[in-house]
Protein backbone atom coordinates (compact mmCIF):
# COMPACT_ATOMS: atom_id res chain seq x y z
CA VAL A 1 129.14 85.24 172.03
CA SER A 2 131.20 87.48 174.26
CA PRO A 3 130.46 87.12 178.40
CA GLY A 4 128.14 89.51 180.13
CA ILE A 5 125.39 88.95 177.21
CA LEU A 6 123.65 85.71 178.03
CA VAL A 7 122.86 84.23 181.87
CA SER A 8 121.21 81.77 183.25
CA SER A 9 117.80 80.85 181.96
CA ASP A 10 118.20 82.58 178.78
CA SER A 11 118.20 80.49 175.55
CA LEU A 12 120.03 80.62 171.97
CA PHE A 13 117.56 80.45 169.06
CA PHE A 14 118.93 78.69 166.04
CA TYR A 15 117.38 79.14 162.66
CA ASN A 16 118.73 77.41 159.20
CA VAL A 17 118.75 80.73 156.28
CA ASP A 18 120.55 79.06 154.11
CA GLY A 19 118.75 78.98 150.96
CA ARG A 20 120.91 76.25 149.64
CA GLU A 21 119.22 73.22 148.19
CA ASN A 22 119.74 70.27 150.43
CA ALA A 23 122.17 71.98 152.99
CA THR A 24 120.98 71.37 156.40
CA HIS A 25 122.61 72.71 159.62
CA ARG A 26 122.98 71.34 163.40
CA ILE A 27 124.93 72.60 166.41
CA LEU A 28 126.69 70.51 168.92
CA VAL A 29 126.86 71.53 172.12
CA ASP A 30 129.81 69.71 174.56
CA VAL A 31 128.14 70.43 177.93
CA GLU A 32 130.94 68.16 179.67
CA GLY A 33 133.97 70.35 178.69
CA ASP A 34 135.74 67.82 177.24
CA GLY A 35 136.08 68.64 173.76
CA VAL A 36 133.99 65.67 172.11
CA PHE A 37 130.72 66.45 171.31
CA ASP A 38 129.32 63.02 171.20
CA GLY A 39 129.41 62.25 175.03
CA VAL A 40 126.63 61.08 176.92
CA ASP A 41 125.35 64.79 178.33
CA ASP A 42 126.27 66.38 175.46
CA ILE A 43 123.79 67.79 173.47
CA ALA A 44 123.18 68.09 169.76
CA THR A 45 120.51 70.20 167.74
CA PRO A 46 118.21 68.16 164.90
CA TRP A 47 119.31 68.96 161.14
CA LEU A 48 117.93 72.33 160.66
CA SER A 49 116.41 72.79 157.04
CA SER A 50 115.80 75.85 155.16
CA ALA A 51 111.89 75.07 154.76
CA CYS A 52 109.41 71.84 155.60
CA GLU A 53 107.52 70.73 152.79
CA ARG A 54 103.66 70.41 153.84
CA ASN A 55 100.89 68.77 152.93
CA GLU A 56 97.39 69.85 151.73
CA THR A 57 96.58 70.30 155.41
CA SER A 58 99.48 72.35 156.41
CA GLN A 59 100.85 69.20 158.02
CA LYS A 60 104.99 68.28 157.67
CA VAL A 61 105.48 65.87 155.63
CA ASP A 62 108.42 64.88 157.23
CA PRO A 63 107.80 64.72 160.59
CA SER A 64 111.31 65.37 161.65
CA CYS A 65 112.12 68.16 159.41
CA GLU A 66 113.19 71.15 162.06
CA VAL A 67 113.71 74.80 160.74
CA THR A 68 114.17 76.30 163.93
CA TYR A 69 115.80 75.05 167.34
CA LEU A 70 115.72 76.63 170.66
CA GLN A 71 118.58 75.59 173.28
CA LEU A 72 117.56 76.95 177.23
CA LEU A 73 121.10 77.97 178.86
CA ASP A 74 119.89 76.34 181.97
CA PRO A 75 121.54 73.92 184.60
CA SER A 76 118.27 71.70 184.58
CA ASN A 77 119.65 70.47 181.03
CA GLY A 78 123.30 70.47 181.83
CA LEU A 79 124.35 73.29 181.47
CA LEU A 80 126.36 75.13 184.01
CA PRO A 81 127.35 78.79 183.90
CA SER A 82 131.00 79.10 181.95
CA ASN A 83 132.22 78.85 178.33
CA ILE A 84 130.58 76.60 176.42
CA SER A 85 132.10 75.10 173.52
CA MET A 86 129.71 74.60 170.30
CA MET A 87 130.32 73.09 166.70
CA HIS A 88 128.36 74.31 163.96
CA GLN A 89 127.84 71.63 161.48
CA ILE A 90 127.04 72.24 158.06
CA ASP A 91 125.48 69.60 155.81
CA PHE A 92 125.57 70.29 151.91
CA ASN A 93 125.37 67.67 148.98
CA GLY A 94 126.89 64.77 151.48
CA THR A 95 129.57 66.77 152.79
CA THR A 96 129.83 67.86 156.21
CA GLU A 97 131.89 71.20 156.87
CA GLU A 98 132.44 72.17 161.03
CA ARG A 99 133.04 75.13 162.69
CA SER A 100 133.78 75.70 166.15
CA PHE A 101 132.31 78.71 168.57
CA VAL A 102 132.26 79.36 172.48
CA VAL A 103 129.28 80.74 173.89
CA SER A 104 129.82 82.22 177.72
CA PHE A 105 126.88 82.58 180.25
CA SER A 106 126.87 83.50 183.75
CA GLU A 107 124.26 83.44 186.32
CA ASP A 108 121.55 85.31 186.29
CA SER A 109 122.55 87.56 189.33
CA HIS A 110 120.56 90.65 190.18
CA SER A 111 122.36 93.17 193.10
CA SER A 112 121.05 96.08 194.87
CA ASP A 113 123.18 98.66 196.18
CA GLN A 114 120.50 101.29 196.43
CA VAL A 115 117.97 101.39 199.29
CA LEU A 116 114.77 101.20 198.37
CA PRO A 117 111.83 103.13 199.50
CA ILE A 118 109.53 102.54 202.02
CA GLY A 119 106.30 103.74 202.35
CA ALA A 120 103.90 105.47 200.05
CA VAL A 121 104.75 105.97 196.33
CA GLU A 122 104.47 109.07 195.08
CA GLU A 123 102.64 109.19 191.58
CA VAL A 124 104.53 110.97 188.81
CA GLN A 125 101.79 113.05 186.73
CA SER A 126 102.74 113.70 183.38
CA GLN A 127 102.18 117.39 182.07
CA PRO A 128 100.21 117.88 178.76
CA THR A 129 101.97 119.00 176.10
CA ASP A 130 100.26 121.98 173.42
CA GLN A 131 100.53 120.33 170.39
CA THR A 132 98.97 123.09 169.01
CA PRO A 133 101.99 124.84 167.13
CA LEU A 134 103.00 121.22 165.84
CA ARG A 135 99.63 121.13 164.46
CA PHE A 136 99.48 123.90 162.74
CA ALA A 137 103.07 123.12 161.10
CA LEU A 138 101.48 119.68 160.00
CA VAL A 139 98.78 121.66 158.39
CA ALA A 140 100.71 124.24 156.91
CA SER A 141 103.29 121.81 154.97
CA ILE A 142 100.03 119.58 153.70
CA ALA A 143 98.47 123.23 152.07
CA GLY A 144 102.29 123.41 150.77
CA ILE A 145 101.97 120.22 148.66
CA PHE A 146 98.78 120.82 147.53
CA VAL A 147 99.50 123.84 146.24
CA LEU A 148 103.25 123.14 145.07
CA LEU A 149 102.63 120.13 143.16
CA PRO A 150 100.26 121.37 140.94
CA MET A 151 102.88 123.51 139.99
CA LEU A 152 105.14 121.35 139.23
CA LEU A 153 103.63 119.10 137.61
CA SER A 154 102.22 121.64 134.92
CA SER A 155 105.90 123.16 134.27
CA LYS A 156 107.69 121.70 131.38
CA PRO A 157 111.40 121.81 131.38
């Protein structure tokens, strides 16, 4: 994800859309920035399946089964604004494939260079628009369809 798009307090939403049977995915987050994804502060999503089997009461048969995961980009979970290295792991039929990627996010800072108005706020009222020509065009189009449709259906090539 390119710089300038994500800010602190945004979230990354991971969703397994891989329809292959027995294909699961997970994301590893290198919070410490040391290039190792299994440190004490690093984050790992659960293995995400494309669907979770449910019983007759719509409860998950396997309570640990997940399809989605939401990762908050925030210092409260150790993620400071910077470039964060992540690893996408794909487990398909016992073979694990890994792909690394980087997510950049910055502080959520809003600056206002313009002077804000002080005092009463003037209400802006919208002007009513005349929709008579639009209504006429709609009625004429519908009438034209009713006139032309029977002629087109009855004509033989």
